[in-house]
């Protein structure tokens, strides 16, 4: 796949897109440049309503990325987006040490994202800086609703405010609403 102004994924950039019933399987999404970028298996950067989609048995790699985000499903949402019945399975998600790396979504730019019935499983997420690796979502102070979501990845090594089985808003840097969620280590306070 080709980068769109520093955004790379199956869709490099989306602007209020609707994406349904799409699977990315056995793909290699590789951003070898040393410049800044948002890298994701499905979406690099943007806003979208995404339903019944997956990234499976794929590589999402940014080995030389200086800054920005790498996520198994989406690098970074630009505006409020909705993800429902989506998953990342059997993937490798990795970036250089200056970037946040997450199993599902690596950054939230604005309030109002909704993630429902989504999960990350049997996936490897890594960086030279293991404290910047997150099992599900990285959020820096934005309001996000997460319902019925799951990650089987271990919490980041060296990160603070790990949440084991259920998200507790007292640990949040940002506001989360959860309902009937089993989110294993899914959220971290990355405020520094």
C-alpha atoms as a PDB file:
ATOM      1  CA  UNK A   1       0.000   0.000   0.000  1.00  0.00           C
ATOM      2  CA  UNK A   2       1.144   3.563  -0.653  1.00  0.00           C
ATOM      3  CA  UNK A   3       1.362   6.405   1.842  1.00  0.00           C
ATOM      4  CA  UNK A   4      -1.004   9.361   1.527  1.00  0.00           C
ATOM      5  CA  UNK A   5       0.732  12.463   2.943  1.00  0.00           C
ATOM      6  CA  UNK A   6       2.378  10.438   5.692  1.00  0.00           C
ATOM      7  CA  UNK A   7      -0.658   8.251   6.393  1.00  0.00           C
ATOM      8  CA  UNK A   8      -0.459   4.571   5.535  1.00  0.00           C
ATOM      9  CA  UNK A   9      -2.844   1.641   5.751  1.00  0.00           C
ATOM     10  CA  UNK A  10      -5.217  -0.187   3.440  1.00  0.00           C
ATOM     11  CA  UNK A  11      -6.883   3.227   3.497  1.00  0.00           C
ATOM     12  CA  UNK A  12      -4.118   5.770   4.096  1.00  0.00           C
ATOM     13  CA  UNK A  13      -6.551   8.593   4.849  1.00  0.00           C
ATOM     14  CA  UNK A  14     -10.327   8.600   5.340  1.00  0.00           C
ATOM     15  CA  UNK A  15     -12.689  11.578   5.571  1.00  0.00           C
ATOM     16  CA  UNK A  16     -16.019  10.530   7.130  1.00  0.00           C
ATOM     17  CA  UNK A  17     -15.893   7.239   5.233  1.00  0.00           C
ATOM     18  CA  UNK A  18     -18.244   4.296   5.721  1.00  0.00           C
ATOM     19  CA  UNK A  19     -16.431   0.952   5.563  1.00  0.00           C
ATOM     20  CA  UNK A  20     -18.397  -2.307   5.919  1.00  0.00           C
ATOM     21  CA  UNK A  21     -17.738  -6.025   5.652  1.00  0.00           C
ATOM     22  CA  UNK A  22     -14.077  -5.752   4.666  1.00  0.00           C
ATOM     23  CA  UNK A  23     -11.286  -8.096   5.657  1.00  0.00           C
ATOM     24  CA  UNK A  24      -7.561  -7.506   5.221  1.00  0.00           C
ATOM     25  CA  UNK A  25      -5.743 -10.841   5.348  1.00  0.00           C
ATOM     26  CA  UNK A  26      -2.121 -11.900   4.789  1.00  0.00           C
ATOM     27  CA  UNK A  27      -1.109  -8.310   4.054  1.00  0.00           C
ATOM     28  CA  UNK A  28       2.174  -6.527   4.614  1.00  0.00           C
ATOM     29  CA  UNK A  29       1.743  -2.853   5.436  1.00  0.00           C
ATOM     30  CA  UNK A  30       5.240  -1.511   5.793  1.00  0.00           C
ATOM     31  CA  UNK A  31       6.288   2.121   6.166  1.00  0.00           C
ATOM     32  CA  UNK A  32      10.104   2.046   5.965  1.00  0.00           C
ATOM     33  CA  UNK A  33      10.613   5.830   5.887  1.00  0.00           C
ATOM     34  CA  UNK A  34      12.152   7.752   8.780  1.00  0.00           C
ATOM     35  CA  UNK A  35       9.589  10.546   8.503  1.00  0.00           C
ATOM     36  CA  UNK A  36       6.494  11.016  10.662  1.00  0.00           C
ATOM     37  CA  UNK A  37       3.368   9.000   9.864  1.00  0.00           C
ATOM     38  CA  UNK A  38       0.241   7.331  11.190  1.00  0.00           C
ATOM     39  CA  UNK A  39       0.206   3.656  10.257  1.00  0.00           C
ATOM     40  CA  UNK A  40      -2.695   1.215  10.624  1.00  0.00           C
ATOM     41  CA  UNK A  41      -3.799  -2.109   9.206  1.00  0.00           C
ATOM     42  CA  UNK A  42      -7.159  -0.778   8.003  1.00  0.00           C
ATOM     43  CA  UNK A  43      -6.826   3.034   8.314  1.00  0.00           C
ATOM     44  CA  UNK A  44      -3.711   5.154   8.726  1.00  0.00           C
ATOM     45  CA  UNK A  45      -5.430   8.394   9.726  1.00  0.00           C
ATOM     46  CA  UNK A  46      -8.887   9.881   9.467  1.00  0.00           C
ATOM     47  CA  UNK A  47     -12.511   9.607  10.441  1.00  0.00           C
ATOM     48  CA  UNK A  48     -14.823   6.718   9.583  1.00  0.00           C
ATOM     49  CA  UNK A  49     -17.720   4.500  10.556  1.00  0.00           C
ATOM     50  CA  UNK A  50     -16.371   0.960  10.324  1.00  0.00           C
ATOM     51  CA  UNK A  51     -18.552  -2.137  10.770  1.00  0.00           C
ATOM     52  CA  UNK A  52     -17.802  -5.871  10.506  1.00  0.00           C
ATOM     53  CA  UNK A  53     -14.175  -5.480   9.412  1.00  0.00           C
ATOM     54  CA  UNK A  54     -10.938  -7.210  10.347  1.00  0.00           C
ATOM     55  CA  UNK A  55      -7.181  -7.314   9.900  1.00  0.00           C
ATOM     56  CA  UNK A  56      -5.902 -10.879  10.103  1.00  0.00           C
ATOM     57  CA  UNK A  57      -2.540 -12.651   9.782  1.00  0.00           C
ATOM     58  CA  UNK A  58      -0.853  -9.464   8.611  1.00  0.00           C
ATOM     59  CA  UNK A  59       2.175  -7.295   9.361  1.00  0.00           C
ATOM     60  CA  UNK A  60       1.784  -3.613  10.225  1.00  0.00           C
ATOM     61  CA  UNK A  61       5.322  -2.296  10.439  1.00  0.00           C
ATOM     62  CA  UNK A  62       6.997   1.093  10.795  1.00  0.00           C
ATOM     63  CA  UNK A  63      10.588   0.121  11.643  1.00  0.00           C
ATOM     64  CA  UNK A  64      12.103   3.576  11.178  1.00  0.00           C
ATOM     65  CA  UNK A  65       9.188   5.806  12.135  1.00  0.00           C
ATOM     66  CA  UNK A  66      10.401   8.875  14.050  1.00  0.00           C
ATOM     67  CA  UNK A  67       7.136   9.838  15.725  1.00  0.00           C
ATOM     68  CA  UNK A  68       3.393   9.354  15.478  1.00  0.00           C
ATOM     69  CA  UNK A  69       1.339   6.202  15.758  1.00  0.00           C
ATOM     70  CA  UNK A  70       1.140   2.577  14.666  1.00  0.00           C
ATOM     71  CA  UNK A  71      -2.005   0.525  15.324  1.00  0.00           C
ATOM     72  CA  UNK A  72      -3.178  -2.909  14.307  1.00  0.00           C
ATOM     73  CA  UNK A  73      -6.480  -1.534  13.013  1.00  0.00           C
ATOM     74  CA  UNK A  74      -6.089   2.253  12.904  1.00  0.00           C
ATOM     75  CA  UNK A  75      -3.092   4.520  13.445  1.00  0.00           C
ATOM     76  CA  UNK A  76      -4.984   7.631  14.543  1.00  0.00           C
ATOM     77  CA  UNK A  77      -8.544   8.907  14.352  1.00  0.00           C
ATOM     78  CA  UNK A  78      -8.813  12.521  13.217  1.00  0.00           C
ATOM     79  CA  UNK A  79     -12.438  13.167  14.220  1.00  0.00           C
ATOM     80  CA  UNK A  80     -15.023  11.109  16.072  1.00  0.00           C
ATOM     81  CA  UNK A  81     -15.195   7.639  14.552  1.00  0.00           C
ATOM     82  CA  UNK A  82     -17.186   4.490  15.226  1.00  0.00           C
ATOM     83  CA  UNK A  83     -15.823   0.949  15.139  1.00  0.00           C
ATOM     84  CA  UNK A  84     -18.254  -1.941  15.607  1.00  0.00           C
ATOM     85  CA  UNK A  85     -17.668  -5.697  15.331  1.00  0.00           C
ATOM     86  CA  UNK A  86     -14.050  -5.274  14.231  1.00  0.00           C
ATOM     87  CA  UNK A  87     -10.943  -7.218  15.178  1.00  0.00           C
ATOM     88  CA  UNK A  88      -7.206  -7.698  14.786  1.00  0.00           C
ATOM     89  CA  UNK A  89      -6.090 -11.330  14.858  1.00  0.00           C
ATOM     90  CA  UNK A  90      -2.773 -13.069  14.316  1.00  0.00           C
ATOM     91  CA  UNK A  91      -0.906  -9.898  13.366  1.00  0.00           C
ATOM     92  CA  UNK A  92       2.472  -8.340  14.070  1.00  0.00           C
ATOM     93  CA  UNK A  93       2.333  -4.618  14.888  1.00  0.00           C
ATOM     94  CA  UNK A  94       5.700  -2.929  15.426  1.00  0.00           C
ATOM     95  CA  UNK A  95       7.407   0.464  15.254  1.00  0.00           C
ATOM     96  CA  UNK A  96      10.523   2.302  16.310  1.00  0.00           C
ATOM     97  CA  UNK A  97      10.939   3.413  19.915  1.00  0.00           C
ATOM     98  CA  UNK A  98       9.614   6.998  19.589  1.00  0.00           C
ATOM     99  CA  UNK A  99       6.125   5.934  18.530  1.00  0.00           C
ATOM    100  CA  UNK A 100       3.079   4.676  20.374  1.00  0.00           C
ATOM    101  CA  UNK A 101       2.123   1.181  19.227  1.00  0.00           C
ATOM    102  CA  UNK A 102      -1.264  -0.383  19.997  1.00  0.00           C
ATOM    103  CA  UNK A 103      -3.102  -3.567  19.163  1.00  0.00           C
ATOM    104  CA  UNK A 104      -6.200  -1.766  17.865  1.00  0.00           C
ATOM    105  CA  UNK A 105      -5.949   2.061  17.791  1.00  0.00           C
ATOM    106  CA  UNK A 106      -2.802   4.008  18.564  1.00  0.00           C
ATOM    107  CA  UNK A 107      -4.154   7.545  18.950  1.00  0.00           C
ATOM    108  CA  UNK A 108      -7.374   9.511  19.399  1.00  0.00           C
ATOM    109  CA  UNK A 109      -7.210  13.134  18.226  1.00  0.00           C
ATOM    110  CA  UNK A 110     -10.675  14.338  19.306  1.00  0.00           C
ATOM    111  CA  UNK A 111     -13.546  13.377  21.622  1.00  0.00           C
ATOM    112  CA  UNK A 112     -16.447  11.158  20.615  1.00  0.00           C
ATOM    113  CA  UNK A 113     -14.944   7.905  19.346  1.00  0.00           C
ATOM    114  CA  UNK A 114     -17.043   4.783  19.932  1.00  0.00           C
ATOM    115  CA  UNK A 115     -15.570   1.272  19.912  1.00  0.00           C
ATOM    116  CA  UNK A 116     -18.073  -1.579  20.343  1.00  0.00           C
ATOM    117  CA  UNK A 117     -17.670  -5.374  20.179  1.00  0.00           C
ATOM    118  CA  UNK A 118     -14.062  -5.188  19.017  1.00  0.00           C
ATOM    119  CA  UNK A 119     -11.051  -7.255  20.021  1.00  0.00           C
ATOM    120  CA  UNK A 120      -7.350  -7.955  19.561  1.00  0.00           C
ATOM    121  CA  UNK A 121      -6.143 -11.556  19.872  1.00  0.00           C
ATOM    122  CA  UNK A 122      -3.140 -13.741  19.072  1.00  0.00           C
ATOM    123  CA  UNK A 123      -1.250 -10.611  18.013  1.00  0.00           C
ATOM    124  CA  UNK A 124       2.278  -9.398  18.753  1.00  0.00           C
ATOM    125  CA  UNK A 125       2.701  -5.689  19.470  1.00  0.00           C
ATOM    126  CA  UNK A 126       6.228  -4.384  19.912  1.00  0.00           C
ATOM    127  CA  UNK A 127       8.623  -1.477  19.989  1.00  0.00           C
ATOM    128  CA  UNK A 128      12.167  -0.891  21.166  1.00  0.00           C
ATOM    129  CA  UNK A 129      10.526   1.168  23.921  1.00  0.00           C
ATOM    130  CA  UNK A 130       8.174  -1.377  25.498  1.00  0.00           C
ATOM    131  CA  UNK A 131       6.631   1.341  27.715  1.00  0.00           C
ATOM    132  CA  UNK A 132       5.065   2.783  24.537  1.00  0.00           C
ATOM    133  CA  UNK A 133       3.282  -0.478  23.656  1.00  0.00           C
ATOM    134  CA  UNK A 134      -0.419  -0.774  24.461  1.00  0.00           C
ATOM    135  CA  UNK A 135      -2.700  -3.809  24.211  1.00  0.00           C
ATOM    136  CA  UNK A 136      -5.782  -2.077  22.765  1.00  0.00           C
ATOM    137  CA  UNK A 137      -6.049   1.737  22.558  1.00  0.00           C
ATOM    138  CA  UNK A 138      -3.790   4.698  23.347  1.00  0.00           C
ATOM    139  CA  UNK A 139      -5.746   7.762  24.456  1.00  0.00           C
ATOM    140  CA  UNK A 140      -4.240  11.066  25.550  1.00  0.00           C
ATOM    141  CA  UNK A 141      -7.059  12.842  27.354  1.00  0.00           C
ATOM    142  CA  UNK A 142      -9.996  12.449  24.953  1.00  0.00           C
ATOM    143  CA  UNK A 143     -13.490  11.124  25.651  1.00  0.00           C
ATOM    144  CA  UNK A 144     -14.029   7.672  24.165  1.00  0.00           C
ATOM    145  CA  UNK A 145     -16.757   5.067  24.644  1.00  0.00           C
ATOM    146  CA  UNK A 146     -15.657   1.425  24.687  1.00  0.00           C
ATOM    147  CA  UNK A 147     -18.201  -1.386  25.061  1.00  0.00           C
ATOM    148  CA  UNK A 148     -17.775  -5.167  24.977  1.00  0.00           C
ATOM    149  CA  UNK A 149     -14.151  -5.028  23.858  1.00  0.00           C
ATOM    150  CA  UNK A 150     -11.228  -7.328  24.611  1.00  0.00           C
ATOM    151  CA  UNK A 151      -7.484  -7.676  24.196  1.00  0.00           C
ATOM    152  CA  UNK A 152      -5.522 -10.764  25.180  1.00  0.00           C
ATOM    153  CA  UNK A 153      -2.224  -8.845  25.128  1.00  0.00           C
ATOM    154  CA  UNK A 154      -0.305  -8.169  28.319  1.00  0.00           C
ATOM    155  CA  UNK A 155      -0.139  -4.559  29.559  1.00  0.00           C
ATOM    156  CA  UNK A 156       2.837  -2.487  28.510  1.00  0.00           C
ATOM    157  CA  UNK A 157       6.089  -3.184  30.316  1.00  0.00           C
ATOM    158  CA  UNK A 158       7.081  -0.166  32.401  1.00  0.00           C
ATOM    159  CA  UNK A 159       3.882   1.782  31.742  1.00  0.00           C
ATOM    160  CA  UNK A 160       1.822   3.166  34.590  1.00  0.00           C
ATOM    161  CA  UNK A 161      -1.858   2.833  35.509  1.00  0.00           C
ATOM    162  CA  UNK A 162      -2.389  -0.582  34.008  1.00  0.00           C
ATOM    163  CA  UNK A 163      -5.915  -1.895  34.169  1.00  0.00           C
ATOM    164  CA  UNK A 164      -6.275  -5.629  34.474  1.00  0.00           C
ATOM    165  CA  UNK A 165      -9.858  -6.753  33.868  1.00  0.00           C
ATOM    166  CA  UNK A 166     -12.198  -3.794  33.854  1.00  0.00           C
ATOM    167  CA  UNK A 167     -11.502  -0.157  33.158  1.00  0.00           C
ATOM    168  CA  UNK A 168     -11.658   2.156  36.164  1.00  0.00           C
ATOM    169  CA  UNK A 169     -12.196   5.807  35.188  1.00  0.00           C
ATOM    170  CA  UNK A 170     -10.254   6.909  38.275  1.00  0.00           C
ATOM    171  CA  UNK A 171      -7.076   5.924  36.431  1.00  0.00           C
ATOM    172  CA  UNK A 172      -8.014   7.682  33.220  1.00  0.00           C
ATOM    173  CA  UNK A 173      -6.352  10.601  31.597  1.00  0.00           C
ATOM    174  CA  UNK A 174      -9.472  11.264  29.583  1.00  0.00           C
ATOM    175  CA  UNK A 175     -13.008   9.979  30.006  1.00  0.00           C
ATOM    176  CA  UNK A 176     -14.099   6.450  29.202  1.00  0.00           C
ATOM    177  CA  UNK A 177     -17.498   4.845  29.319  1.00  0.00           C
ATOM    178  CA  UNK A 178     -17.552   1.074  29.400  1.00  0.00           C
ATOM    179  CA  UNK A 179     -20.315  -1.471  29.648  1.00  0.00           C
ATOM    180  CA  UNK A 180     -19.919  -5.218  30.157  1.00  0.00           C
ATOM    181  CA  UNK A 181     -16.339  -5.006  28.951  1.00  0.00           C
ATOM    182  CA  UNK A 182     -13.567  -7.479  29.493  1.00  0.00           C
ATOM    183  CA  UNK A 183     -10.646  -5.266  28.613  1.00  0.00           C
ATOM    184  CA  UNK A 184      -7.409  -6.884  29.698  1.00  0.00           C
ATOM    185  CA  UNK A 185      -4.848  -4.133  30.095  1.00  0.00           C
ATOM    186  CA  UNK A 186      -6.559  -2.193  27.361  1.00  0.00           C
ATOM    187  CA  UNK A 187      -5.997   1.362  28.576  1.00  0.00           C
ATOM    188  CA  UNK A 188      -2.979   3.166  29.877  1.00  0.00           C
ATOM    189  CA  UNK A 189      -2.444   6.687  31.150  1.00  0.00           C
ATOM    190  CA  UNK A 190       0.068   8.055  28.660  1.00  0.00           C
ATOM    191  CA  UNK A 191       0.009  11.631  29.903  1.00  0.00           C
ATOM    192  CA  UNK A 192       3.634  11.348  30.918  1.00  0.00           C
END
